[in-house]
Amino acid sequence: MMQLFFLYFLIILSIFFNYFSWLYTYRSRESKYKFWISVILITILSLFTRYFAGHAYSQTLGSKVFDVIILGILFSIPIWVWSLIDKIIKPSEFYSNYPNGK
């Protein structure tokens, strides 16, 4: 029963906090890698979004702030889905043995 609670908790955590849900199991080596890969991707994509919205689309789409928000959301959706799917497919034994076992 408690394992099911943790699974639901992590799914909700993943829905609301995106890639920060990997901090819940940060002691796991796999979660560390996934968290830092996500942070790097979000940083690169946000810099790309600012450049892209600031130069190419600033005259055609309107407000730069609106462009950055929309493109930022579109670029972060794959990372959000990756975090959500990772929590759903992870076996319950991982959470029952965490942090001492594999």
PDB file of N, CA and C in Angstrom:
ATOM      1  N   MET A   1       0.826  -1.202   0.000  1.00  0.00           N
ATOM      2  CA  MET A   1       0.000   0.000   0.000  1.00  0.00           C
ATOM      3  C   MET A   1       0.871   1.267   0.000  1.00  0.00           C
ATOM      4  N   MET A   2       1.950   1.204   0.788  1.00  0.00           N
ATOM      5  CA  MET A   2       2.824   2.366   0.878  1.00  0.00           C
ATOM      6  C   MET A   2       3.567   2.604  -0.432  1.00  0.00           C
ATOM      7  N   GLN A   3       3.921   1.511  -1.142  1.00  0.00           N
ATOM      8  CA  GLN A   3       4.607   1.651  -2.419  1.00  0.00           C
ATOM      9  C   GLN A   3       3.714   2.334  -3.440  1.00  0.00           C
ATOM     10  N   LEU A   4       2.436   2.007  -3.422  1.00  0.00           N
ATOM     11  CA  LEU A   4       1.485   2.633  -4.334  1.00  0.00           C
ATOM     12  C   LEU A   4       1.358   4.124  -4.026  1.00  0.00           C
ATOM     13  N   PHE A   5       1.398   4.477  -2.744  1.00  0.00           N
ATOM     14  CA  PHE A   5       1.360   5.875  -2.349  1.00  0.00           C
ATOM     15  C   PHE A   5       2.566   6.633  -2.904  1.00  0.00           C
ATOM     16  N   PHE A   6       3.758   6.027  -2.780  1.00  0.00           N
ATOM     17  CA  PHE A   6       4.962   6.675  -3.299  1.00  0.00           C
ATOM     18  C   PHE A   6       4.903   6.841  -4.810  1.00  0.00           C
ATOM     19  N   LEU A   7       4.364   5.845  -5.507  1.00  0.00           N
ATOM     20  CA  LEU A   7       4.247   5.949  -6.958  1.00  0.00           C
ATOM     21  C   LEU A   7       3.318   7.098  -7.336  1.00  0.00           C
ATOM     22  N   TYR A   8       2.169   7.196  -6.695  1.00  0.00           N
ATOM     23  CA  TYR A   8       1.247   8.310  -6.968  1.00  0.00           C
ATOM     24  C   TYR A   8       1.875   9.650  -6.601  1.00  0.00           C
ATOM     25  N   PHE A   9       2.583   9.664  -5.489  1.00  0.00           N
ATOM     26  CA  PHE A   9       3.244  10.892  -5.061  1.00  0.00           C
ATOM     27  C   PHE A   9       4.269  11.345  -6.094  1.00  0.00           C
ATOM     28  N   LEU A  10       5.063  10.408  -6.614  1.00  0.00           N
ATOM     29  CA  LEU A  10       6.081  10.766  -7.601  1.00  0.00           C
ATOM     30  C   LEU A  10       5.476  11.182  -8.935  1.00  0.00           C
ATOM     31  N   ILE A  11       4.366  10.582  -9.305  1.00  0.00           N
ATOM     32  CA  ILE A  11       3.698  10.999 -10.542  1.00  0.00           C
ATOM     33  C   ILE A  11       3.182  12.425 -10.395  1.00  0.00           C
ATOM     34  N   ILE A  12       2.567  12.730  -9.264  1.00  0.00           N
ATOM     35  CA  ILE A  12       2.079  14.093  -9.027  1.00  0.00           C
ATOM     36  C   ILE A  12       3.254  15.066  -8.941  1.00  0.00           C
ATOM     37  N   LEU A  13       4.325  14.656  -8.282  1.00  0.00           N
ATOM     38  CA  LEU A  13       5.527  15.483  -8.206  1.00  0.00           C
ATOM     39  C   LEU A  13       6.094  15.762  -9.594  1.00  0.00           C
ATOM     40  N   SER A  14       6.086  14.743 -10.427  1.00  0.00           N
ATOM     41  CA  SER A  14       6.587  14.897 -11.794  1.00  0.00           C
ATOM     42  C   SER A  14       5.693  15.802 -12.627  1.00  0.00           C
ATOM     43  N   ILE A  15       4.389  15.729 -12.415  1.00  0.00           N
ATOM     44  CA  ILE A  15       3.467  16.588 -13.161  1.00  0.00           C
ATOM     45  C   ILE A  15       3.679  18.053 -12.797  1.00  0.00           C
ATOM     46  N   PHE A  16       3.827  18.342 -11.521  1.00  0.00           N
ATOM     47  CA  PHE A  16       3.910  19.732 -11.091  1.00  0.00           C
ATOM     48  C   PHE A  16       5.320  20.325 -11.155  1.00  0.00           C
ATOM     49  N   PHE A  17       6.340  19.504 -10.943  1.00  0.00           N
ATOM     50  CA  PHE A  17       7.687  20.054 -10.816  1.00  0.00           C
ATOM     51  C   PHE A  17       8.661  19.602 -11.895  1.00  0.00           C
ATOM     52  N   ASN A  18       8.150  18.948 -12.940  1.00  0.00           N
ATOM     53  CA  ASN A  18       8.936  18.616 -14.115  1.00  0.00           C
ATOM     54  C   ASN A  18      10.189  17.840 -13.730  1.00  0.00           C
ATOM     55  N   TYR A  19      11.350  18.274 -14.149  1.00  0.00           N
ATOM     56  CA  TYR A  19      12.580  17.522 -13.927  1.00  0.00           C
ATOM     57  C   TYR A  19      13.076  17.617 -12.491  1.00  0.00           C
ATOM     58  N   PHE A  20      12.502  18.477 -11.676  1.00  0.00           N
ATOM     59  CA  PHE A  20      12.887  18.541 -10.266  1.00  0.00           C
ATOM     60  C   PHE A  20      12.430  17.310  -9.491  1.00  0.00           C
ATOM     61  N   SER A  21      11.562  16.492 -10.093  1.00  0.00           N
ATOM     62  CA  SER A  21      11.119  15.275  -9.417  1.00  0.00           C
ATOM     63  C   SER A  21      12.261  14.283  -9.253  1.00  0.00           C
ATOM     64  N   TRP A  22      13.333  14.405 -10.054  1.00  0.00           N
ATOM     65  CA  TRP A  22      14.483  13.523  -9.877  1.00  0.00           C
ATOM     66  C   TRP A  22      15.275  13.867  -8.626  1.00  0.00           C
ATOM     67  N   LEU A  23      15.038  14.998  -8.036  1.00  0.00           N
ATOM     68  CA  LEU A  23      15.717  15.338  -6.781  1.00  0.00           C
ATOM     69  C   LEU A  23      15.196  14.493  -5.624  1.00  0.00           C
ATOM     70  N   TYR A  24      13.980  13.950  -5.773  1.00  0.00           N
ATOM     71  CA  TYR A  24      13.406  13.109  -4.726  1.00  0.00           C
ATOM     72  C   TYR A  24      14.236  11.842  -4.533  1.00  0.00           C
ATOM     73  N   THR A  25      14.807  11.333  -5.609  1.00  0.00           N
ATOM     74  CA  THR A  25      15.651  10.140  -5.544  1.00  0.00           C
ATOM     75  C   THR A  25      17.072  10.481  -5.998  1.00  0.00           C
ATOM     76  N   TYR A  26      17.587  11.605  -5.573  1.00  0.00           N
ATOM     77  CA  TYR A  26      18.870  12.106  -6.053  1.00  0.00           C
ATOM     78  C   TYR A  26      20.047  11.227  -5.665  1.00  0.00           C
ATOM     79  N   ARG A  27      19.926  10.451  -4.620  1.00  0.00           N
ATOM     80  CA  ARG A  27      21.032   9.583  -4.217  1.00  0.00           C
ATOM     81  C   ARG A  27      21.287   8.490  -5.249  1.00  0.00           C
ATOM     82  N   SER A  28      20.282   8.177  -6.025  1.00  0.00           N
ATOM     83  CA  SER A  28      20.445   7.194  -7.095  1.00  0.00           C
ATOM     84  C   SER A  28      21.296   7.811  -8.207  1.00  0.00           C
ATOM     85  N   ARG A  29      22.247   7.045  -8.689  1.00  0.00           N
ATOM     86  CA  ARG A  29      23.146   7.547  -9.733  1.00  0.00           C
ATOM     87  C   ARG A  29      22.384   7.900 -11.007  1.00  0.00           C
ATOM     88  N   GLU A  30      21.426   7.082 -11.344  1.00  0.00           N
ATOM     89  CA  GLU A  30      20.614   7.319 -12.544  1.00  0.00           C
ATOM     90  C   GLU A  30      19.829   8.621 -12.434  1.00  0.00           C
ATOM     91  N   SER A  31      19.277   8.900 -11.267  1.00  0.00           N
ATOM     92  CA  SER A  31      18.514  10.134 -11.074  1.00  0.00           C
ATOM     93  C   SER A  31      19.403  11.365 -11.143  1.00  0.00           C
ATOM     94  N   LYS A  32      20.615  11.245 -10.651  1.00  0.00           N
ATOM     95  CA  LYS A  32      21.556  12.373 -10.745  1.00  0.00           C
ATOM     96  C   LYS A  32      21.829  12.730 -12.194  1.00  0.00           C
ATOM     97  N   TYR A  33      22.110  11.701 -13.002  1.00  0.00           N
ATOM     98  CA  TYR A  33      22.383  11.947 -14.416  1.00  0.00           C
ATOM     99  C   TYR A  33      21.185  12.563 -15.117  1.00  0.00           C
ATOM    100  N   LYS A  34      20.018  12.018 -14.855  1.00  0.00           N
ATOM    101  CA  LYS A  34      18.811  12.535 -15.510  1.00  0.00           C
ATOM    102  C   LYS A  34      18.526  13.972 -15.099  1.00  0.00           C
ATOM    103  N   PHE A  35      18.720  14.285 -13.827  1.00  0.00           N
ATOM    104  CA  PHE A  35      18.490  15.643 -13.371  1.00  0.00           C
ATOM    105  C   PHE A  35      19.440  16.617 -14.051  1.00  0.00           C
ATOM    106  N   TRP A  36      20.740  16.307 -14.071  1.00  0.00           N
ATOM    107  CA  TRP A  36      21.710  17.242 -14.640  1.00  0.00           C
ATOM    108  C   TRP A  36      21.595  17.330 -16.156  1.00  0.00           C
ATOM    109  N   ILE A  37      21.248  16.248 -16.815  1.00  0.00           N
ATOM    110  CA  ILE A  37      20.988  16.318 -18.259  1.00  0.00           C
ATOM    111  C   ILE A  37      19.813  17.228 -18.532  1.00  0.00           C
ATOM    112  N   SER A  38      18.768  17.116 -17.727  1.00  0.00           N
ATOM    113  CA  SER A  38      17.592  17.977 -17.889  1.00  0.00           C
ATOM    114  C   SER A  38      17.924  19.443 -17.647  1.00  0.00           C
ATOM    115  N   VAL A  39      18.705  19.714 -16.616  1.00  0.00           N
ATOM    116  CA  VAL A  39      19.094  21.098 -16.321  1.00  0.00           C
ATOM    117  C   VAL A  39      19.894  21.691 -17.477  1.00  0.00           C
ATOM    118  N   ILE A  40      20.832  20.913 -17.995  1.00  0.00           N
ATOM    119  CA  ILE A  40      21.645  21.395 -19.124  1.00  0.00           C
ATOM    120  C   ILE A  40      20.779  21.621 -20.351  1.00  0.00           C
ATOM    121  N   LEU A  41      19.874  20.678 -20.649  1.00  0.00           N
ATOM    122  CA  LEU A  41      18.994  20.846 -21.810  1.00  0.00           C
ATOM    123  C   LEU A  41      18.076  22.053 -21.663  1.00  0.00           C
ATOM    124  N   ILE A  42      17.503  22.236 -20.487  1.00  0.00           N
ATOM    125  CA  ILE A  42      16.629  23.389 -20.258  1.00  0.00           C
ATOM    126  C   ILE A  42      17.412  24.686 -20.409  1.00  0.00           C
ATOM    127  N   THR A  43      18.641  24.722 -19.902  1.00  0.00           N
ATOM    128  CA  THR A  43      19.465  25.924 -20.026  1.00  0.00           C
ATOM    129  C   THR A  43      19.798  26.222 -21.480  1.00  0.00           C
ATOM    130  N   ILE A  44      20.224  25.214 -22.216  1.00  0.00           N
ATOM    131  CA  ILE A  44      20.549  25.409 -23.627  1.00  0.00           C
ATOM    132  C   ILE A  44      19.315  25.824 -24.411  1.00  0.00           C
ATOM    133  N   LEU A  45      18.197  25.161 -24.156  1.00  0.00           N
ATOM    134  CA  LEU A  45      16.975  25.498 -24.884  1.00  0.00           C
ATOM    135  C   LEU A  45      16.453  26.883 -24.524  1.00  0.00           C
ATOM    136  N   SER A  46      16.629  27.300 -23.273  1.00  0.00           N
ATOM    137  CA  SER A  46      16.175  28.646 -22.920  1.00  0.00           C
ATOM    138  C   SER A  46      17.051  29.713 -23.580  1.00  0.00           C
ATOM    139  N   LEU A  47      18.347  29.449 -23.666  1.00  0.00           N
ATOM    140  CA  LEU A  47      19.224  30.391 -24.375  1.00  0.00           C
ATOM    141  C   LEU A  47      18.894  30.427 -25.858  1.00  0.00           C
ATOM    142  N   PHE A  48      18.634  29.271 -26.436  1.00  0.00           N
ATOM    143  CA  PHE A  48      18.242  29.199 -27.840  1.00  0.00           C
ATOM    144  C   PHE A  48      16.918  29.919 -28.060  1.00  0.00           C
ATOM    145  N   THR A  49      15.982  29.749 -27.125  1.00  0.00           N
ATOM    146  CA  THR A  49      14.675  30.395 -27.247  1.00  0.00           C
ATOM    147  C   THR A  49      14.817  31.907 -27.211  1.00  0.00           C
ATOM    148  N   ARG A  50      15.628  32.411 -26.309  1.00  0.00           N
ATOM    149  CA  ARG A  50      15.824  33.869 -26.246  1.00  0.00           C
ATOM    150  C   ARG A  50      16.456  34.405 -27.523  1.00  0.00           C
ATOM    151  N   TYR A  51      17.421  33.683 -28.044  1.00  0.00           N
ATOM    152  CA  TYR A  51      18.056  34.108 -29.284  1.00  0.00           C
ATOM    153  C   TYR A  51      17.065  34.022 -30.447  1.00  0.00           C
ATOM    154  N   PHE A  52      16.358  32.902 -30.517  1.00  0.00           N
ATOM    155  CA  PHE A  52      15.425  32.653 -31.614  1.00  0.00           C
ATOM    156  C   PHE A  52      14.285  33.659 -31.605  1.00  0.00           C
ATOM    157  N   ALA A  53      13.690  33.877 -30.433  1.00  0.00           N
ATOM    158  CA  ALA A  53      12.576  34.815 -30.343  1.00  0.00           C
ATOM    159  C   ALA A  53      13.057  36.252 -30.477  1.00  0.00           C
ATOM    160  N   GLY A  54      14.263  36.530 -30.023  1.00  0.00           N
ATOM    161  CA  GLY A  54      14.766  37.890 -30.085  1.00  0.00           C
ATOM    162  C   GLY A  54      15.179  38.324 -31.468  1.00  0.00           C
ATOM    163  N   HIS A  55      15.630  37.418 -32.298  1.00  0.00           N
ATOM    164  CA  HIS A  55      16.135  37.794 -33.609  1.00  0.00           C
ATOM    165  C   HIS A  55      15.177  37.466 -34.747  1.00  0.00           C
ATOM    166  N   ALA A  56      14.784  36.232 -34.842  1.00  0.00           N
ATOM    167  CA  ALA A  56      14.065  35.801 -36.037  1.00  0.00           C
ATOM    168  C   ALA A  56      12.586  36.161 -36.022  1.00  0.00           C
ATOM    169  N   TYR A  57      11.961  36.064 -34.857  1.00  0.00           N
ATOM    170  CA  TYR A  57      10.510  36.195 -34.841  1.00  0.00           C
ATOM    171  C   TYR A  57       9.998  37.441 -34.132  1.00  0.00           C
ATOM    172  N   SER A  58      10.861  38.333 -33.752  1.00  0.00           N
ATOM    173  CA  SER A  58      10.399  39.474 -32.974  1.00  0.00           C
ATOM    174  C   SER A  58       9.473  40.395 -33.769  1.00  0.00           C
ATOM    175  N   GLN A  59       9.666  40.511 -35.051  1.00  0.00           N
ATOM    176  CA  GLN A  59       8.797  41.373 -35.848  1.00  0.00           C
ATOM    177  C   GLN A  59       7.536  40.661 -36.319  1.00  0.00           C
ATOM    178  N   THR A  60       7.594  39.363 -36.526  1.00  0.00           N
ATOM    179  CA  THR A  60       6.440  38.669 -37.091  1.00  0.00           C
ATOM    180  C   THR A  60       5.451  38.171 -36.054  1.00  0.00           C
ATOM    181  N   LEU A  61       5.912  37.761 -34.883  1.00  0.00           N
ATOM    182  CA  LEU A  61       5.002  37.189 -33.900  1.00  0.00           C
ATOM    183  C   LEU A  61       4.505  38.196 -32.863  1.00  0.00           C
ATOM    184  N   GLY A  62       5.130  39.306 -32.768  1.00  0.00           N
ATOM    185  CA  GLY A  62       4.676  40.292 -31.790  1.00  0.00           C
ATOM    186  C   GLY A  62       5.621  40.393 -30.620  1.00  0.00           C
ATOM    187  N   SER A  63       5.081  40.333 -29.438  1.00  0.00           N
ATOM    188  CA  SER A  63       5.833  40.553 -28.208  1.00  0.00           C
ATOM    189  C   SER A  63       6.926  39.510 -28.007  1.00  0.00           C
ATOM    190  N   LYS A  64       8.125  39.966 -27.648  1.00  0.00           N
ATOM    191  CA  LYS A  64       9.230  39.058 -27.391  1.00  0.00           C
ATOM    192  C   LYS A  64       8.981  38.194 -26.155  1.00  0.00           C
ATOM    193  N   VAL A  65       8.366  38.772 -25.163  1.00  0.00           N
ATOM    194  CA  VAL A  65       8.096  38.033 -23.931  1.00  0.00           C
ATOM    195  C   VAL A  65       7.146  36.878 -24.212  1.00  0.00           C
ATOM    196  N   PHE A  66       6.116  37.139 -24.985  1.00  0.00           N
ATOM    197  CA  PHE A  66       5.166  36.096 -25.346  1.00  0.00           C
ATOM    198  C   PHE A  66       5.850  34.987 -26.147  1.00  0.00           C
ATOM    199  N   ASP A  67       6.726  35.359 -27.066  1.00  0.00           N
ATOM    200  CA  ASP A  67       7.448  34.381 -27.868  1.00  0.00           C
ATOM    201  C   ASP A  67       8.336  33.500 -27.002  1.00  0.00           C
ATOM    202  N   VAL A  68       9.045  34.103 -26.070  1.00  0.00           N
ATOM    203  CA  VAL A  68       9.939  33.347 -25.194  1.00  0.00           C
ATOM    204  C   VAL A  68       9.135  32.378 -24.333  1.00  0.00           C
ATOM    205  N   ILE A  69       8.005  32.804 -23.824  1.00  0.00           N
ATOM    206  CA  ILE A  69       7.176  31.929 -22.990  1.00  0.00           C
ATOM    207  C   ILE A  69       6.652  30.747 -23.798  1.00  0.00           C
ATOM    208  N   ILE A  70       6.102  31.007 -24.964  1.00  0.00           N
ATOM    209  CA  ILE A  70       5.532  29.938 -25.787  1.00  0.00           C
ATOM    210  C   ILE A  70       6.617  28.963 -26.238  1.00  0.00           C
ATOM    211  N   LEU A  71       7.732  29.462 -26.738  1.00  0.00           N
ATOM    212  CA  LEU A  71       8.804  28.579 -27.178  1.00  0.00           C
ATOM    213  C   LEU A  71       9.426  27.828 -26.009  1.00  0.00           C
ATOM    214  N   GLY A  72       9.536  28.469 -24.858  1.00  0.00           N
ATOM    215  CA  GLY A  72      10.053  27.795 -23.669  1.00  0.00           C
ATOM    216  C   GLY A  72       9.168  26.644 -23.235  1.00  0.00           C
ATOM    217  N   ILE A  73       7.870  26.843 -23.286  1.00  0.00           N
ATOM    218  CA  ILE A  73       6.938  25.776 -22.937  1.00  0.00           C
ATOM    219  C   ILE A  73       7.034  24.636 -23.947  1.00  0.00           C
ATOM    220  N   LEU A  74       7.093  24.966 -25.229  1.00  0.00           N
ATOM    221  CA  LEU A  74       7.182  23.932 -26.251  1.00  0.00           C
ATOM    222  C   LEU A  74       8.467  23.127 -26.145  1.00  0.00           C
ATOM    223  N   PHE A  75       9.573  23.781 -25.800  1.00  0.00           N
ATOM    224  CA  PHE A  75      10.837  23.065 -25.688  1.00  0.00           C
ATOM    225  C   PHE A  75      10.935  22.251 -24.401  1.00  0.00           C
ATOM    226  N   SER A  76      10.214  22.626 -23.363  1.00  0.00           N
ATOM    227  CA  SER A  76      10.317  21.875 -22.108  1.00  0.00           C
ATOM    228  C   SER A  76       9.327  20.712 -22.025  1.00  0.00           C
ATOM    229  N   ILE A  77       8.387  20.620 -22.938  1.00  0.00           N
ATOM    230  CA  ILE A  77       7.411  19.521 -22.910  1.00  0.00           C
ATOM    231  C   ILE A  77       8.082  18.156 -23.036  1.00  0.00           C
ATOM    232  N   PRO A  78       9.046  17.944 -23.945  1.00  0.00           N
ATOM    233  CA  PRO A  78       9.678  16.610 -24.002  1.00  0.00           C
ATOM    234  C   PRO A  78      10.377  16.210 -22.701  1.00  0.00           C
ATOM    235  N   ILE A  79      10.992  17.147 -22.017  1.00  0.00           N
ATOM    236  CA  ILE A  79      11.651  16.832 -20.748  1.00  0.00           C
ATOM    237  C   ILE A  79      10.605  16.508 -19.687  1.00  0.00           C
ATOM    238  N   TRP A  80       9.502  17.212 -19.699  1.00  0.00           N
ATOM    239  CA  TRP A  80       8.413  16.937 -18.763  1.00  0.00           C
ATOM    240  C   TRP A  80       7.852  15.535 -18.997  1.00  0.00           C
ATOM    241  N   VAL A  81       7.650  15.171 -20.247  1.00  0.00           N
ATOM    242  CA  VAL A  81       7.131  13.834 -20.577  1.00  0.00           C
ATOM    243  C   VAL A  81       8.147  12.772 -20.183  1.00  0.00           C
ATOM    244  N   TRP A  82       9.426  13.025 -20.422  1.00  0.00           N
ATOM    245  CA  TRP A  82      10.480  12.081 -20.036  1.00  0.00           C
ATOM    246  C   TRP A  82      10.453  11.839 -18.527  1.00  0.00           C
ATOM    247  N   SER A  83      10.320  12.887 -17.754  1.00  0.00           N
ATOM    248  CA  SER A  83      10.262  12.748 -16.303  1.00  0.00           C
ATOM    249  C   SER A  83       9.029  11.964 -15.864  1.00  0.00           C
ATOM    250  N   LEU A  84       7.917  12.241 -16.483  1.00  0.00           N
ATOM    251  CA  LEU A  84       6.674  11.555 -16.125  1.00  0.00           C
ATOM    252  C   LEU A  84       6.742  10.072 -16.482  1.00  0.00           C
ATOM    253  N   ILE A  85       7.188   9.753 -17.670  1.00  0.00           N
ATOM    254  CA  ILE A  85       7.277   8.348 -18.089  1.00  0.00           C
ATOM    255  C   ILE A  85       8.288   7.588 -17.236  1.00  0.00           C
ATOM    256  N   ASP A  86       9.375   8.240 -16.877  1.00  0.00           N
ATOM    257  CA  ASP A  86      10.370   7.591 -16.037  1.00  0.00           C
ATOM    258  C   ASP A  86       9.780   7.174 -14.696  1.00  0.00           C
ATOM    259  N   LYS A  87       8.951   7.999 -14.120  1.00  0.00           N
ATOM    260  CA  LYS A  87       8.330   7.655 -12.834  1.00  0.00           C
ATOM    261  C   LYS A  87       7.283   6.557 -12.988  1.00  0.00           C
ATOM    262  N   ILE A  88       6.591   6.534 -14.106  1.00  0.00           N
ATOM    263  CA  ILE A  88       5.533   5.545 -14.300  1.00  0.00           C
ATOM    264  C   ILE A  88       6.111   4.155 -14.545  1.00  0.00           C
ATOM    265  N   ILE A  89       7.191   4.055 -15.331  1.00  0.00           N
ATOM    266  CA  ILE A  89       7.699   2.730 -15.687  1.00  0.00           C
ATOM    267  C   ILE A  89       8.722   2.174 -14.699  1.00  0.00           C
ATOM    268  N   LYS A  90       9.162   2.961 -13.766  1.00  0.00           N
ATOM    269  CA  LYS A  90      10.150   2.470 -12.797  1.00  0.00           C
ATOM    270  C   LYS A  90       9.487   1.437 -11.887  1.00  0.00           C
ATOM    271  N   PRO A  91      10.151   0.298 -11.658  1.00  0.00           N
ATOM    272  CA  PRO A  91       9.534  -0.745 -10.824  1.00  0.00           C
ATOM    273  C   PRO A  91       9.366  -0.289  -9.378  1.00  0.00           C
ATOM    274  N   SER A  92       8.357  -0.820  -8.723  1.00  0.00           N
ATOM    275  CA  SER A  92       8.068  -0.414  -7.347  1.00  0.00           C
ATOM    276  C   SER A  92       9.162  -0.871  -6.381  1.00  0.00           C
ATOM    277  N   GLU A  93       9.923  -1.901  -6.755  1.00  0.00           N
ATOM    278  CA  GLU A  93      11.024  -2.354  -5.910  1.00  0.00           C
ATOM    279  C   GLU A  93      12.094  -1.270  -5.747  1.00  0.00           C
ATOM    280  N   PHE A  94      12.225  -0.439  -6.754  1.00  0.00           N
ATOM    281  CA  PHE A  94      13.199   0.646  -6.665  1.00  0.00           C
ATOM    282  C   PHE A  94      12.865   1.561  -5.496  1.00  0.00           C
ATOM    283  N   TYR A  95      11.601   1.884  -5.335  1.00  0.00           N
ATOM    284  CA  TYR A  95      11.200   2.800  -4.272  1.00  0.00           C
ATOM    285  C   TYR A  95      11.162   2.116  -2.906  1.00  0.00           C
ATOM    286  N   SER A  96      10.838   0.820  -2.886  1.00  0.00           N
ATOM    287  CA  SER A  96      10.808   0.131  -1.594  1.00  0.00           C
ATOM    288  C   SER A  96      12.222  -0.118  -1.062  1.00  0.00           C
ATOM    289  N   ASN A  97      13.215  -0.250  -1.957  1.00  0.00           N
ATOM    290  CA  ASN A  97      14.599  -0.467  -1.544  1.00  0.00           C
ATOM    291  C   ASN A  97      15.430   0.795  -1.495  1.00  0.00           C
ATOM    292  N   TYR A  98      14.864   1.911  -1.912  1.00  0.00           N
ATOM    293  CA  TYR A  98      15.610   3.152  -1.959  1.00  0.00           C
ATOM    294  C   TYR A  98      15.840   3.678  -0.556  1.00  0.00           C
ATOM    295  N   PRO A  99      16.960   4.191  -0.197  1.00  0.00           N
ATOM    296  CA  PRO A  99      18.196   4.422  -0.922  1.00  0.00           C
ATOM    297  C   PRO A  99      19.224   3.306  -0.764  1.00  0.00           C
ATOM    298  N   ASN A 100      18.886   2.235  -0.045  1.00  0.00           N
ATOM    299  CA  ASN A 100      19.900   1.237   0.288  1.00  0.00           C
ATOM    300  C   ASN A 100      20.113   0.189  -0.797  1.00  0.00           C
ATOM    301  N   GLY A 101      19.115  -0.079  -1.594  1.00  0.00           N
ATOM    302  CA  GLY A 101      19.253  -1.151  -2.594  1.00  0.00           C
ATOM    303  C   GLY A 101      19.108  -0.639  -3.990  1.00  0.00           C
ATOM    304  N   LYS A 102      19.206  -1.562  -4.917  1.00  0.00           N
ATOM    305  CA  LYS A 102      19.054  -1.187  -6.320  1.00  0.00           C
ATOM    306  C   LYS A 102      17.743  -1.688  -6.842  1.00  0.00           C
TER     307      LYS A 102
END
